[in-house]
Amino acid sequence: MNTETLAPAMPVPAADLPRRDMTKAVVSGAIGNILEWYDFTVYAYLAAILGAKFFQTGNETTALLSTFAVFGVGFFARPFGGILIGMFGDRYGRKPALMLTFGMIAASTGLIGVLPTYETIGLAAPILLVVARLLQGISAGGEWGGAASFLVEWAPANRRGLYGSLHPCAVCVGLLLGAGVTGGLTTALGNDVMHDWGWRIPFLIGAVVGPIGWYVRRQVHETPVFTRAKAAAASAGHRPRAPIGRAIVTAFAFPAVQSVIVYLILGYFPTFAQKYLGMSSSASLWSTAFATLMMGTFCVLAGRLSDTIGRKRCMMATSVLFALLSYPAIGLLLSGPAMPVIVATQAALAALCGVFLGGMAAALVEMFPTARRLTGLTIAYNLQSVIFGGFAPFIASWLIAATGQPISISYFMILAAVISVIGVSRLRETAHEPLQ
């Protein structure tokens, strides 16, 4: 081993990893993503109430926009958090990095649940809300790459795609839990109680789960891959450094389509469906919940498939299909079809995205050497998530306003798919190679 390259880590046979340790690793890797996206969904669903509680503007629309602006602060903090926590995780280990991110996510979620409102402490209320969202963004920036690396580094050599697929699957679980808890409380307590004090409960639930998740992560061992790499570096007397600039560029580009599809088909769809498809709020949310379930299911199936046929084939096929089918799919939705057709179309797009996501986490982890994996992975993924995902609803709304045609959102989907096709084409197939 020299200062420029890392020797590949030896494959990890399934028989060499105790089943109990592997189970702990899976739970530890997934639980942070579940809480992160649970909070994401709760905040989005309660945005109108939060706007009224924390922004006394005298204008309901302005208050709502202010709430979503604070929501966006968390996105812009992600790359910064990714760099800090990525460097920390590459030096000290995946386990301490994940314990740090989970503690921050739980604490910031609980903080929102106990914050005094504008009526109580005035301008300090929205300032503290911004602080909470900044903490969530910083922690989320490190959580994605840390959890993906943790799962894939713990996986047997022939199951890295399957283990990695549990990462985006956990996102879907978090989305469903957030929607279920918020919707269930609204039904049980009523709108008046939710507006008065009930809105705090979903955030406090996240805070209560925090110590449990932190304890679970504390009990799990460091990944075998990182442990061996750290021992090798100690023997060599230095930490190996491998160039990762080209890998960062590719890792930024190839996931573009999934970011756009996730944020449009799951996040933006209820608004789009109610405004342009004539769906009720309830129907659009139930349809989105079903689509989320389909995405999570196909994530796992495709993750296992990618261990057999490779990551590139799964991701290239779905990228090409999105480039070809986005326009006719949105056109079908806008043609005034029956409700089952709308639900099936949304679910099909979500399932197709799930196929892309299935092998994506493993592919991203496999691109980077162990010594710099978290740093490279978190920089690339968080930047593309902010640009392609965070701005997706805004770009979709702008396209419709600029063209006067709702079908124009498909242009953005097609552009993202083409970027992914180019990015995936530059990938080296790594499904059957040892981790670096």
Protein backbone atom coordinates (compact mmCIF):
# COMPACT_ATOMS: atom_id res chain seq x y z
CA MET A 1 0.00 0.00 0.00
CA ASN A 2 1.28 3.46 -0.89
CA THR A 3 0.14 6.99 -0.20
CA GLU A 4 -1.96 7.20 -3.36
CA THR A 5 -3.97 4.00 -3.45
CA LEU A 6 -5.77 1.64 -1.20
CA ALA A 7 -5.62 -2.10 -1.52
CA PRO A 8 -9.03 -3.68 -1.98
CA ALA A 9 -10.58 -4.93 1.21
CA MET A 10 -10.97 -8.68 1.37
CA PRO A 11 -14.51 -9.88 0.60
CA VAL A 12 -16.57 -10.71 3.64
CA PRO A 13 -18.14 -14.18 3.44
CA ALA A 14 -21.57 -14.37 5.01
CA ALA A 15 -20.45 -17.22 7.24
CA ASP A 16 -17.75 -15.03 8.81
CA LEU A 17 -20.24 -12.45 10.08
CA PRO A 18 -22.34 -13.42 13.12
CA ARG A 19 -26.04 -13.14 12.27
CA ARG A 20 -26.73 -11.18 15.45
CA ASP A 21 -24.09 -8.57 14.55
CA MET A 22 -25.44 -8.30 11.02
CA THR A 23 -28.99 -7.78 12.31
CA LYS A 24 -27.80 -5.04 14.66
CA ALA A 25 -25.93 -3.42 11.79
CA VAL A 26 -29.02 -3.40 9.57
CA VAL A 27 -31.22 -1.88 12.28
CA SER A 28 -28.55 0.66 13.19
CA GLY A 29 -28.04 1.70 9.59
CA ALA A 30 -31.74 2.09 8.85
CA ILE A 31 -33.09 3.73 12.00
CA GLY A 32 -31.48 7.12 11.42
CA ASN A 33 -32.90 7.41 7.92
CA ILE A 34 -36.33 6.49 9.23
CA LEU A 35 -36.23 9.26 11.85
CA GLU A 36 -34.79 11.80 9.40
CA TRP A 37 -37.55 11.30 6.84
CA TYR A 38 -40.21 10.96 9.51
CA ASP A 39 -39.28 14.47 10.61
CA PHE A 40 -39.17 15.66 6.97
CA THR A 41 -42.75 14.48 6.44
CA VAL A 42 -44.09 15.79 9.75
CA TYR A 43 -42.67 19.25 9.11
CA ALA A 44 -44.11 19.35 5.58
CA TYR A 45 -47.57 18.16 6.70
CA LEU A 46 -47.69 20.65 9.58
CA ALA A 47 -46.26 23.58 7.60
CA ALA A 48 -49.49 25.59 7.71
CA ILE A 49 -49.74 25.28 11.51
CA LEU A 50 -46.05 26.03 12.01
CA GLY A 51 -46.40 29.12 9.85
CA ALA A 52 -49.19 30.44 12.04
CA LYS A 53 -47.32 29.62 15.25
CA PHE A 54 -43.87 30.96 14.41
CA PHE A 55 -44.42 33.72 11.85
CA GLN A 56 -46.85 36.46 12.86
CA THR A 57 -46.89 38.20 9.48
CA GLY A 58 -50.60 38.92 9.34
CA ASN A 59 -50.71 37.09 6.01
CA GLU A 60 -51.34 33.35 5.85
CA THR A 61 -49.51 32.87 2.55
CA THR A 62 -46.45 34.80 3.73
CA ALA A 63 -46.34 32.76 6.93
CA LEU A 64 -46.50 29.51 4.95
CA LEU A 65 -43.75 30.67 2.59
CA SER A 66 -41.61 31.61 5.60
CA THR A 67 -42.11 28.12 7.04
CA PHE A 68 -40.99 26.49 3.80
CA ALA A 69 -38.04 28.88 3.59
CA VAL A 70 -36.91 27.60 7.00
CA PHE A 71 -37.50 24.09 5.66
CA GLY A 72 -35.09 24.91 2.82
CA VAL A 73 -32.43 26.06 5.29
CA GLY A 74 -32.03 22.43 6.30
CA PHE A 75 -31.31 21.44 2.70
CA PHE A 76 -28.59 24.04 2.26
CA ALA A 77 -26.95 22.93 5.51
CA ARG A 78 -26.63 19.34 4.25
CA PRO A 79 -23.45 19.72 2.16
CA PHE A 80 -21.74 21.52 5.03
CA GLY A 81 -22.76 18.78 7.45
CA GLY A 82 -21.74 16.13 4.96
CA ILE A 83 -18.20 17.49 4.71
CA LEU A 84 -17.73 17.80 8.47
CA ILE A 85 -19.26 14.46 9.43
CA GLY A 86 -17.75 12.73 6.39
CA MET A 87 -14.24 13.73 7.42
CA PHE A 88 -15.02 12.77 11.02
CA GLY A 89 -16.32 9.35 9.95
CA ASP A 90 -13.33 8.65 7.72
CA ARG A 91 -10.93 9.39 10.57
CA TYR A 92 -12.71 7.98 13.62
CA GLY A 93 -15.14 5.45 12.20
CA ARG A 94 -18.66 4.96 10.87
CA LYS A 95 -20.10 4.09 14.27
CA PRO A 96 -19.16 7.33 16.10
CA ALA A 97 -20.26 9.36 13.07
CA LEU A 98 -23.68 7.70 13.06
CA MET A 99 -24.08 8.09 16.81
CA LEU A 100 -23.37 11.80 16.38
CA THR A 101 -25.83 12.29 13.51
CA PHE A 102 -28.61 10.37 15.23
CA GLY A 103 -28.23 12.33 18.43
CA MET A 104 -28.41 15.59 16.48
CA ILE A 105 -31.48 14.51 14.49
CA ALA A 106 -33.36 13.41 17.62
CA ALA A 107 -32.39 16.50 19.61
CA SER A 108 -33.35 18.96 16.88
CA THR A 109 -36.65 17.18 16.23
CA GLY A 110 -37.49 17.29 19.93
CA LEU A 111 -36.46 20.95 20.07
CA ILE A 112 -39.15 21.88 17.55
CA GLY A 113 -41.68 20.03 19.70
CA VAL A 114 -40.96 22.17 22.78
CA LEU A 115 -40.25 25.55 21.16
CA PRO A 116 -42.27 28.49 22.50
CA THR A 117 -44.27 30.18 19.75
CA TYR A 118 -44.01 33.72 18.41
CA GLU A 119 -46.85 34.77 20.68
CA THR A 120 -44.77 33.74 23.71
CA ILE A 121 -41.21 34.85 22.92
CA GLY A 122 -41.56 36.94 19.78
CA LEU A 123 -38.79 37.00 17.19
CA ALA A 124 -36.75 34.44 19.12
CA ALA A 125 -39.28 31.76 18.09
CA PRO A 126 -38.51 31.72 14.33
CA ILE A 127 -34.79 32.14 15.09
CA LEU A 128 -34.83 29.01 17.25
CA LEU A 129 -36.80 27.19 14.55
CA VAL A 130 -34.04 28.06 12.08
CA VAL A 131 -31.43 26.74 14.53
CA ALA A 132 -33.32 23.46 14.84
CA ARG A 133 -33.56 23.10 11.06
CA LEU A 134 -29.85 23.89 10.68
CA LEU A 135 -29.01 21.10 13.13
CA GLN A 136 -31.30 18.73 11.26
CA GLY A 137 -29.69 19.65 7.95
CA ILE A 138 -26.15 19.21 9.25
CA SER A 139 -26.98 15.83 10.77
CA ALA A 140 -28.89 14.68 7.69
CA GLY A 141 -25.90 15.61 5.53
CA GLY A 142 -23.76 13.11 7.40
CA GLU A 143 -26.47 10.51 7.98
CA TRP A 144 -27.02 9.58 4.34
CA GLY A 145 -23.44 8.72 3.46
CA GLY A 146 -22.67 7.35 6.91
CA ALA A 147 -25.62 4.96 6.97
CA ALA A 148 -25.09 3.84 3.37
CA SER A 149 -21.42 3.12 4.03
CA PHE A 150 -22.24 1.37 7.30
CA LEU A 151 -24.77 -0.98 5.68
CA VAL A 152 -22.66 -1.80 2.63
CA GLU A 153 -19.42 -2.23 4.59
CA TRP A 154 -21.17 -4.64 6.94
CA ALA A 155 -22.68 -6.65 4.08
CA PRO A 156 -21.37 -9.99 2.82
CA ALA A 157 -19.62 -9.52 -0.52
CA ASN A 158 -22.52 -11.01 -2.49
CA ARG A 159 -25.21 -9.02 -0.65
CA ARG A 160 -23.96 -5.44 -0.80
CA GLY A 161 -26.75 -4.37 -3.13
CA LEU A 162 -29.40 -5.91 -0.88
CA TYR A 163 -27.99 -4.33 2.28
CA GLY A 164 -27.55 -0.99 0.55
CA SER A 165 -31.16 -1.07 -0.70
CA LEU A 166 -32.38 -1.05 2.90
CA HIS A 167 -31.11 2.52 3.06
CA PRO A 168 -33.60 4.06 0.56
CA CYS A 169 -36.23 1.60 1.79
CA ALA A 170 -35.84 3.17 5.25
CA VAL A 171 -36.57 6.56 3.65
CA CYS A 172 -39.90 5.19 2.45
CA VAL A 173 -40.66 3.80 5.91
CA GLY A 174 -39.95 7.21 7.45
CA LEU A 175 -42.21 8.94 4.93
CA LEU A 176 -45.05 6.53 5.66
CA LEU A 177 -44.63 6.81 9.43
CA GLY A 178 -44.59 10.60 9.28
CA ALA A 179 -47.74 10.69 7.19
CA GLY A 180 -49.45 8.05 9.33
CA VAL A 181 -48.67 9.69 12.67
CA THR A 182 -49.63 13.18 11.51
CA GLY A 183 -52.77 12.04 9.73
CA GLY A 184 -53.80 9.77 12.59
CA LEU A 185 -53.38 12.49 15.21
CA THR A 186 -55.31 14.99 13.09
CA THR A 187 -58.19 12.52 12.77
CA ALA A 188 -58.15 11.61 16.47
CA LEU A 189 -57.68 15.09 17.95
CA GLY A 190 -59.33 17.29 15.35
CA ASN A 191 -57.99 20.36 13.58
CA ASP A 192 -58.56 22.75 16.50
CA VAL A 193 -56.59 20.67 19.00
CA MET A 194 -53.81 20.03 16.46
CA HIS A 195 -53.53 23.77 15.85
CA ASP A 196 -53.55 24.50 19.59
CA TRP A 197 -51.02 21.99 20.97
CA GLY A 198 -51.37 18.68 19.11
CA TRP A 199 -48.81 19.71 16.48
CA ARG A 200 -46.08 19.21 19.09
CA ILE A 201 -46.80 15.49 19.56
CA PRO A 202 -45.28 14.16 16.29
CA PHE A 203 -42.02 16.01 16.98
CA LEU A 204 -41.91 14.79 20.58
CA ILE A 205 -42.45 11.22 19.39
CA GLY A 206 -39.28 11.61 17.31
CA ALA A 207 -37.43 12.84 20.39
CA VAL A 208 -38.61 9.85 22.44
CA VAL A 209 -37.39 7.43 19.77
CA GLY A 210 -33.99 9.16 19.85
CA PRO A 211 -32.48 7.53 22.96
CA ILE A 212 -33.63 4.11 21.77
CA GLY A 213 -31.97 4.52 18.38
CA TRP A 214 -28.84 5.97 19.93
CA TYR A 215 -28.60 2.96 22.27
CA VAL A 216 -29.02 0.55 19.33
CA ARG A 217 -26.19 2.25 17.47
CA ARG A 218 -24.02 2.23 20.56
CA GLN A 219 -24.33 -1.55 20.83
CA VAL A 220 -23.24 -2.35 17.29
CA HIS A 221 -19.61 -2.92 16.31
CA GLU A 222 -17.61 -0.85 13.85
CA THR A 223 -17.75 -2.15 10.27
CA PRO A 224 -15.28 -4.94 9.46
CA VAL A 225 -14.10 -3.05 6.36
CA PHE A 226 -13.22 0.13 8.27
CA THR A 227 -11.63 -1.86 11.11
CA ARG A 228 -9.28 -3.64 8.68
CA ALA A 229 -8.47 -0.41 6.82
CA LYS A 230 -7.67 1.35 10.09
CA ALA A 231 -5.39 -1.50 11.18
CA ALA A 232 -3.61 -1.45 7.81
CA ALA A 233 -3.09 2.31 8.07
CA ALA A 234 -1.67 1.91 11.58
CA SER A 235 0.78 -0.73 10.32
CA ALA A 236 1.84 1.49 7.43
CA GLY A 237 2.29 4.47 9.73
CA HIS A 238 0.03 6.81 7.74
CA ARG A 239 -3.53 7.20 6.49
CA PRO A 240 -3.69 6.38 2.77
CA ARG A 241 -5.01 9.07 0.46
CA ALA A 242 -6.50 8.24 -2.90
CA PRO A 243 -7.73 10.80 -5.46
CA ILE A 244 -11.53 11.05 -5.42
CA GLY A 245 -12.26 14.14 -7.54
CA ARG A 246 -13.42 12.23 -10.62
CA ALA A 247 -15.54 9.89 -8.51
CA ILE A 248 -17.24 12.89 -6.86
CA VAL A 249 -18.22 14.32 -10.27
CA THR A 250 -19.69 11.00 -11.41
CA ALA A 251 -21.42 10.41 -8.07
CA PHE A 252 -22.95 13.88 -8.36
CA ALA A 253 -24.35 13.22 -11.84
CA PHE A 254 -25.65 9.68 -12.02
CA PRO A 255 -28.26 9.80 -9.18
CA ALA A 256 -29.97 12.89 -10.71
CA VAL A 257 -33.06 11.08 -11.95
CA GLN A 258 -33.95 9.52 -8.61
CA SER A 259 -33.72 12.87 -6.79
CA VAL A 260 -36.06 14.53 -9.27
CA ILE A 261 -38.51 11.62 -9.33
CA VAL A 262 -38.64 11.20 -5.55
CA TYR A 263 -39.32 14.87 -4.91
CA LEU A 264 -41.81 15.24 -7.78
CA ILE A 265 -43.68 11.93 -7.67
CA LEU A 266 -43.84 11.73 -3.87
CA GLY A 267 -43.32 15.29 -2.59
CA TYR A 268 -44.89 17.47 -5.28
CA PHE A 269 -47.55 15.06 -6.53
CA PRO A 270 -50.31 15.85 -3.98
CA THR A 271 -50.18 19.53 -4.98
CA PHE A 272 -50.02 18.67 -8.70
CA ALA A 273 -52.86 16.16 -8.43
CA GLN A 274 -55.18 18.49 -6.57
CA LYS A 275 -54.54 21.43 -8.89
CA TYR A 276 -54.38 19.76 -12.29
CA LEU A 277 -55.88 16.27 -11.96
CA GLY A 278 -58.96 17.11 -9.89
CA MET A 279 -58.06 14.80 -7.01
CA SER A 280 -59.13 15.54 -3.48
CA SER A 281 -56.51 16.15 -0.81
CA SER A 282 -57.30 12.84 0.85
CA ALA A 283 -57.18 10.85 -2.40
CA SER A 284 -53.87 12.38 -3.48
CA LEU A 285 -52.27 11.61 -0.12
CA TRP A 286 -53.51 8.01 -0.11
CA SER A 287 -52.25 7.57 -3.67
CA THR A 288 -48.86 8.95 -2.65
CA ALA A 289 -48.73 6.62 0.35
CA PHE A 290 -49.33 3.64 -1.95
CA ALA A 291 -46.65 4.89 -4.36
CA THR A 292 -44.22 5.23 -1.46
CA LEU A 293 -44.92 1.64 -0.43
CA MET A 294 -44.27 0.47 -3.99
CA MET A 295 -41.01 2.40 -4.16
CA GLY A 296 -39.74 0.87 -0.92
CA THR A 297 -40.71 -2.64 -2.02
CA PHE A 298 -38.99 -2.37 -5.39
CA CYS A 299 -35.90 -0.88 -3.73
CA VAL A 300 -35.26 -4.13 -1.90
CA LEU A 301 -36.12 -6.37 -4.86
CA ALA A 302 -33.84 -4.41 -7.17
CA GLY A 303 -31.07 -4.29 -4.58
CA ARG A 304 -30.97 -8.06 -4.53
CA LEU A 305 -31.19 -8.17 -8.33
CA SER A 306 -28.22 -5.80 -8.62
CA ASP A 307 -26.10 -8.30 -6.69
CA THR A 308 -26.73 -10.75 -9.52
CA ILE A 309 -26.79 -8.73 -12.75
CA GLY A 310 -24.87 -5.65 -11.59
CA ARG A 311 -25.68 -2.08 -10.56
CA LYS A 312 -25.17 -0.49 -13.97
CA ARG A 313 -27.76 -2.59 -15.78
CA CYS A 314 -30.50 -1.77 -13.28
CA MET A 315 -29.74 1.94 -13.18
CA MET A 316 -29.14 2.35 -16.92
CA ALA A 317 -32.37 0.55 -17.80
CA THR A 318 -34.47 2.68 -15.46
CA SER A 319 -32.77 5.93 -16.56
CA VAL A 320 -33.51 5.16 -20.21
CA LEU A 321 -37.10 4.22 -19.38
CA PHE A 322 -37.62 7.50 -17.51
CA ALA A 323 -36.24 9.40 -20.51
CA LEU A 324 -38.68 7.59 -22.80
CA LEU A 325 -41.77 7.34 -20.58
CA SER A 326 -41.88 10.57 -18.57
CA TYR A 327 -43.67 12.61 -21.24
CA PRO A 328 -46.34 10.00 -22.07
CA ALA A 329 -46.84 9.18 -18.37
CA ILE A 330 -47.52 12.82 -17.41
CA GLY A 331 -49.62 13.18 -20.55
CA LEU A 332 -51.71 10.20 -19.46
CA LEU A 333 -52.26 11.75 -16.03
CA LEU A 334 -53.42 15.01 -17.63
CA SER A 335 -55.79 13.29 -20.07
CA GLY A 336 -58.49 12.94 -17.42
CA PRO A 337 -58.30 9.21 -16.73
CA ALA A 338 -60.22 7.33 -14.06
CA MET A 339 -58.86 7.43 -10.52
CA PRO A 340 -57.36 3.90 -10.63
CA VAL A 341 -55.31 4.90 -13.68
CA ILE A 342 -53.88 7.93 -11.86
CA VAL A 343 -52.99 5.81 -8.84
CA ALA A 344 -51.45 3.09 -11.00
CA THR A 345 -49.39 5.58 -13.03
CA GLN A 346 -47.98 7.26 -9.94
CA ALA A 347 -47.22 3.87 -8.39
CA ALA A 348 -45.53 2.64 -11.59
CA LEU A 349 -43.25 5.70 -11.72
CA ALA A 350 -42.42 5.24 -8.03
CA ALA A 351 -41.70 1.52 -8.51
CA LEU A 352 -39.43 2.29 -11.46
CA CYS A 353 -37.57 4.79 -9.30
CA GLY A 354 -37.29 2.07 -6.66
CA VAL A 355 -35.49 -0.12 -9.18
CA PHE A 356 -32.91 2.64 -9.69
CA LEU A 357 -32.56 3.19 -5.95
CA GLY A 358 -32.09 -0.52 -5.27
CA GLY A 359 -28.49 -0.65 -6.46
CA MET A 360 -27.64 3.04 -6.10
CA ALA A 361 -26.45 3.09 -2.48
CA ALA A 362 -24.07 0.17 -3.05
CA ALA A 363 -22.81 1.69 -6.29
CA LEU A 364 -22.04 4.99 -4.57
CA VAL A 365 -20.24 3.31 -1.67
CA GLU A 366 -18.23 1.09 -4.04
CA MET A 367 -16.96 4.13 -5.96
CA PHE A 368 -14.84 5.47 -3.10
CA PRO A 369 -11.89 4.01 -1.17
CA THR A 370 -12.54 3.22 2.48
CA ALA A 371 -10.15 5.89 3.78
CA ARG A 372 -12.10 8.71 2.09
CA ARG A 373 -15.47 7.09 1.44
CA LEU A 374 -17.66 9.21 3.71
CA THR A 375 -16.06 12.47 2.63
CA GLY A 376 -16.45 11.82 -1.09
CA LEU A 377 -19.87 10.23 -0.81
CA THR A 378 -21.42 12.92 1.37
CA ILE A 379 -20.08 15.79 -0.75
CA ALA A 380 -21.38 14.34 -4.02
CA TYR A 381 -24.73 13.07 -2.83
CA ASN A 382 -25.69 16.08 -0.73
CA LEU A 383 -24.87 18.56 -3.49
CA GLN A 384 -26.93 16.68 -6.06
CA SER A 385 -29.75 16.19 -3.57
CA VAL A 386 -29.96 19.94 -2.96
CA ILE A 387 -29.74 20.91 -6.65
CA PHE A 388 -31.82 18.18 -8.29
CA GLY A 389 -34.12 17.27 -5.40
CA GLY A 390 -34.51 20.31 -3.20
CA PHE A 391 -35.30 22.60 -6.13
CA ALA A 392 -37.49 20.07 -8.00
CA PRO A 393 -40.90 21.36 -6.78
CA PHE A 394 -39.83 24.96 -7.47
CA ILE A 395 -38.56 24.12 -10.96
CA ALA A 396 -41.74 22.17 -11.71
CA SER A 397 -43.92 25.10 -10.63
CA TRP A 398 -41.76 27.53 -12.62
CA LEU A 399 -41.97 25.41 -15.78
CA ILE A 400 -45.75 25.26 -15.57
CA ALA A 401 -45.98 29.02 -14.99
CA ALA A 402 -43.54 29.79 -17.82
CA THR A 403 -45.13 27.50 -20.41
CA GLY A 404 -48.72 27.39 -19.24
CA GLN A 405 -48.53 23.61 -19.75
CA PRO A 406 -48.60 21.21 -16.77
CA ILE A 407 -46.99 18.55 -18.94
CA SER A 408 -43.81 20.66 -18.91
CA ILE A 409 -42.74 19.02 -15.64
CA SER A 410 -41.88 15.99 -17.75
CA TYR A 411 -39.13 18.04 -19.44
CA PHE A 412 -37.31 18.29 -16.13
CA MET A 413 -37.76 14.56 -15.56
CA ILE A 414 -36.34 13.81 -19.01
CA LEU A 415 -33.36 16.13 -18.46
CA ALA A 416 -32.56 14.41 -15.16
CA ALA A 417 -32.87 11.00 -16.82
CA VAL A 418 -30.44 12.00 -19.57
CA ILE A 419 -27.94 13.26 -16.97
CA SER A 420 -28.25 9.91 -15.19
CA VAL A 421 -27.73 7.98 -18.42
CA ILE A 422 -24.49 9.89 -19.00
CA GLY A 423 -23.41 9.46 -15.37
CA VAL A 424 -24.19 5.74 -15.22
CA SER A 425 -22.35 5.17 -18.51
CA ARG A 426 -19.18 6.46 -16.82
CA LEU A 427 -19.47 4.03 -13.92
CA ARG A 428 -17.33 0.93 -13.66
CA GLU A 429 -19.35 -2.12 -12.68
CA THR A 430 -18.31 -2.94 -9.12
CA ALA A 431 -20.98 -5.39 -7.96
CA HIS A 432 -18.62 -8.36 -8.10
CA GLU A 433 -15.44 -6.59 -7.02
CA PRO A 434 -14.13 -6.25 -3.44
CA LEU A 435 -14.49 -2.87 -1.75
CA GLN A 436 -11.43 -0.65 -2.08
